[in-house]
Amino acid sequence: MQRMAMLAALSLGACATLPPPAPEPHVTVEITDLSLTTVSGRAVLRQRVAAAAHLFCRLHGAEFTPIESREDPWYCPDMMRSEIMHGMTPSTRRAYAIARREAGLRGRDL
């Protein structure tokens, strides 16, 4: 019985010394300073989304991208663009879509 109590105490002691898990990487884009009603403001929004997606992928792409998708250079940027757009308001998403059209982008281009 004493052995069981000792093993339980050791197990609890080992669990108490583990460091907290590292926070998951997160991607954000600052847009509060942009005027999304202008062509130049929308262009900057599009550039910031592309830059944030590419930076995130450069730093965390290996841990984020599934092994079967690592040969696809667009997988991580596509997913990050989707993640960024998920956090946007509907009006900001519309402005981003307009910015992509204004830049002549189609498909996977950021």
C-alpha atoms as a PDB file:
ATOM      1  CA  MET A   1       0.000   0.000   0.000  1.00  0.00           C
ATOM      2  CA  GLN A   2       2.854   2.326   0.845  1.00  0.00           C
ATOM      3  CA  ARG A   3       4.406   1.669  -2.552  1.00  0.00           C
ATOM      4  CA  MET A   4       1.208   2.669  -4.300  1.00  0.00           C
ATOM      5  CA  ALA A   5       1.038   5.899  -2.315  1.00  0.00           C
ATOM      6  CA  MET A   6       4.699   6.602  -3.060  1.00  0.00           C
ATOM      7  CA  LEU A   7       4.225   5.970  -6.812  1.00  0.00           C
ATOM      8  CA  ALA A   8       1.172   8.219  -6.865  1.00  0.00           C
ATOM      9  CA  ALA A   9       3.084  10.980  -5.086  1.00  0.00           C
ATOM     10  CA  LEU A  10       6.006  10.662  -7.516  1.00  0.00           C
ATOM     11  CA  SER A  11       3.634  10.772 -10.493  1.00  0.00           C
ATOM     12  CA  LEU A  12       1.964  13.891  -9.174  1.00  0.00           C
ATOM     13  CA  GLY A  13       5.347  15.477  -8.503  1.00  0.00           C
ATOM     14  CA  ALA A  14       6.489  14.768 -12.046  1.00  0.00           C
ATOM     15  CA  CYS A  15       3.311  16.284 -13.493  1.00  0.00           C
ATOM     16  CA  ALA A  16       3.679  19.413 -11.408  1.00  0.00           C
ATOM     17  CA  THR A  17       7.124  20.157 -12.837  1.00  0.00           C
ATOM     18  CA  LEU A  18       6.135  20.113 -16.502  1.00  0.00           C
ATOM     19  CA  PRO A  19       6.238  23.516 -18.168  1.00  0.00           C
ATOM     20  CA  PRO A  20       2.972  24.896 -19.520  1.00  0.00           C
ATOM     21  CA  PRO A  21       2.369  24.171 -23.202  1.00  0.00           C
ATOM     22  CA  ALA A  22       3.620  26.799 -25.609  1.00  0.00           C
ATOM     23  CA  PRO A  23       0.875  28.950 -27.128  1.00  0.00           C
ATOM     24  CA  GLU A  24      -0.169  28.029 -30.621  1.00  0.00           C
ATOM     25  CA  PRO A  25       1.229  30.355 -33.297  1.00  0.00           C
ATOM     26  CA  HIS A  26      -1.297  32.900 -34.468  1.00  0.00           C
ATOM     27  CA  VAL A  27      -1.403  35.171 -37.515  1.00  0.00           C
ATOM     28  CA  THR A  28      -2.812  38.704 -37.385  1.00  0.00           C
ATOM     29  CA  VAL A  29      -3.051  41.672 -39.727  1.00  0.00           C
ATOM     30  CA  GLU A  30      -3.361  45.256 -38.532  1.00  0.00           C
ATOM     31  CA  ILE A  31      -6.011  47.103 -40.543  1.00  0.00           C
ATOM     32  CA  THR A  32      -7.296  49.843 -38.252  1.00  0.00           C
ATOM     33  CA  ASP A  33      -5.150  52.467 -39.978  1.00  0.00           C
ATOM     34  CA  LEU A  34      -6.443  51.646 -43.488  1.00  0.00           C
ATOM     35  CA  SER A  35      -9.174  53.309 -45.468  1.00  0.00           C
ATOM     36  CA  LEU A  36     -10.823  50.398 -47.240  1.00  0.00           C
ATOM     37  CA  THR A  37     -12.913  52.723 -49.396  1.00  0.00           C
ATOM     38  CA  THR A  38      -9.855  53.735 -51.443  1.00  0.00           C
ATOM     39  CA  VAL A  39      -7.924  51.737 -54.008  1.00  0.00           C
ATOM     40  CA  SER A  40      -4.651  52.392 -52.196  1.00  0.00           C
ATOM     41  CA  GLY A  41      -6.076  51.324 -48.820  1.00  0.00           C
ATOM     42  CA  ARG A  42      -7.399  48.087 -50.270  1.00  0.00           C
ATOM     43  CA  ALA A  43      -4.070  47.449 -51.992  1.00  0.00           C
ATOM     44  CA  VAL A  44      -2.248  47.825 -48.674  1.00  0.00           C
ATOM     45  CA  LEU A  45      -4.744  45.414 -47.068  1.00  0.00           C
ATOM     46  CA  ARG A  46      -4.012  42.829 -49.763  1.00  0.00           C
ATOM     47  CA  GLN A  47      -0.260  43.314 -49.350  1.00  0.00           C
ATOM     48  CA  ARG A  48      -0.481  42.963 -45.569  1.00  0.00           C
ATOM     49  CA  VAL A  49      -2.500  39.761 -45.825  1.00  0.00           C
ATOM     50  CA  ALA A  50       0.037  38.307 -48.271  1.00  0.00           C
ATOM     51  CA  ALA A  51       3.002  39.398 -46.131  1.00  0.00           C
ATOM     52  CA  ALA A  52       1.471  38.003 -42.932  1.00  0.00           C
ATOM     53  CA  ALA A  53       0.630  34.681 -44.587  1.00  0.00           C
ATOM     54  CA  HIS A  54       4.112  34.302 -46.077  1.00  0.00           C
ATOM     55  CA  LEU A  55       5.842  35.284 -42.830  1.00  0.00           C
ATOM     56  CA  PHE A  56       3.768  32.826 -40.811  1.00  0.00           C
ATOM     57  CA  CYS A  57       4.530  30.066 -43.303  1.00  0.00           C
ATOM     58  CA  ARG A  58       8.228  30.843 -43.278  1.00  0.00           C
ATOM     59  CA  LEU A  59       8.304  30.642 -39.460  1.00  0.00           C
ATOM     60  CA  HIS A  60       5.756  27.894 -38.738  1.00  0.00           C
ATOM     61  CA  GLY A  61       4.932  26.212 -42.048  1.00  0.00           C
ATOM     62  CA  ALA A  62       6.719  22.958 -41.262  1.00  0.00           C
ATOM     63  CA  GLU A  63       4.731  22.372 -38.076  1.00  0.00           C
ATOM     64  CA  PHE A  64       1.451  23.563 -39.583  1.00  0.00           C
ATOM     65  CA  THR A  65       1.489  21.808 -42.965  1.00  0.00           C
ATOM     66  CA  PRO A  66       0.526  18.117 -43.085  1.00  0.00           C
ATOM     67  CA  ILE A  67       3.224  15.835 -44.465  1.00  0.00           C
ATOM     68  CA  GLU A  68       1.163  14.923 -47.542  1.00  0.00           C
ATOM     69  CA  SER A  69       0.772  18.626 -48.439  1.00  0.00           C
ATOM     70  CA  ARG A  70       4.383  19.756 -47.977  1.00  0.00           C
ATOM     71  CA  GLU A  71       5.107  19.484 -51.696  1.00  0.00           C
ATOM     72  CA  ASP A  72       2.352  22.029 -52.406  1.00  0.00           C
ATOM     73  CA  PRO A  73       3.932  25.498 -52.024  1.00  0.00           C
ATOM     74  CA  TRP A  74       0.473  27.094 -51.838  1.00  0.00           C
ATOM     75  CA  TYR A  75      -0.979  24.977 -49.032  1.00  0.00           C
ATOM     76  CA  CYS A  76       0.268  27.023 -46.088  1.00  0.00           C
ATOM     77  CA  PRO A  77      -0.316  30.479 -47.648  1.00  0.00           C
ATOM     78  CA  ASP A  78      -3.846  29.419 -48.675  1.00  0.00           C
ATOM     79  CA  MET A  79      -4.656  28.209 -45.182  1.00  0.00           C
ATOM     80  CA  MET A  80      -3.225  31.334 -43.580  1.00  0.00           C
ATOM     81  CA  ARG A  81      -5.166  33.589 -45.937  1.00  0.00           C
ATOM     82  CA  SER A  82      -8.304  31.676 -44.960  1.00  0.00           C
ATOM     83  CA  GLU A  83      -7.442  32.045 -41.282  1.00  0.00           C
ATOM     84  CA  ILE A  84      -6.885  35.786 -41.669  1.00  0.00           C
ATOM     85  CA  MET A  85     -10.118  36.196 -43.621  1.00  0.00           C
ATOM     86  CA  HIS A  86     -12.026  34.246 -40.974  1.00  0.00           C
ATOM     87  CA  GLY A  87     -11.139  36.949 -38.476  1.00  0.00           C
ATOM     88  CA  MET A  88     -12.227  39.788 -40.776  1.00  0.00           C
ATOM     89  CA  THR A  89     -15.581  41.498 -40.693  1.00  0.00           C
ATOM     90  CA  PRO A  90     -17.787  40.991 -43.760  1.00  0.00           C
ATOM     91  CA  SER A  91     -17.032  44.518 -45.010  1.00  0.00           C
ATOM     92  CA  THR A  92     -13.282  43.914 -44.689  1.00  0.00           C
ATOM     93  CA  ARG A  93     -13.596  40.603 -46.554  1.00  0.00           C
ATOM     94  CA  ARG A  94     -15.433  42.427 -49.351  1.00  0.00           C
ATOM     95  CA  ALA A  95     -12.692  45.067 -49.474  1.00  0.00           C
ATOM     96  CA  TYR A  96     -10.064  42.313 -49.666  1.00  0.00           C
ATOM     97  CA  ALA A  97     -11.930  40.595 -52.520  1.00  0.00           C
ATOM     98  CA  ILE A  98     -12.166  43.916 -54.362  1.00  0.00           C
ATOM     99  CA  ALA A  99      -8.436  44.498 -53.796  1.00  0.00           C
ATOM    100  CA  ARG A 100      -7.630  41.107 -55.336  1.00  0.00           C
ATOM    101  CA  ARG A 101      -9.757  41.933 -58.392  1.00  0.00           C
ATOM    102  CA  GLU A 102      -8.177  45.376 -58.672  1.00  0.00           C
ATOM    103  CA  ALA A 103      -4.735  43.756 -58.632  1.00  0.00           C
ATOM    104  CA  GLY A 104      -5.802  41.251 -61.293  1.00  0.00           C
ATOM    105  CA  LEU A 105      -5.232  38.269 -59.017  1.00  0.00           C
ATOM    106  CA  ARG A 106      -7.046  35.001 -59.493  1.00  0.00           C
ATOM    107  CA  GLY A 107      -7.011  31.631 -57.819  1.00  0.00           C
ATOM    108  CA  ARG A 108      -4.258  31.008 -55.302  1.00  0.00           C
ATOM    109  CA  ASP A 109      -2.324  34.239 -55.820  1.00  0.00           C
ATOM    110  CA  LEU A 110      -2.147  36.325 -52.673  1.00  0.00           C
END
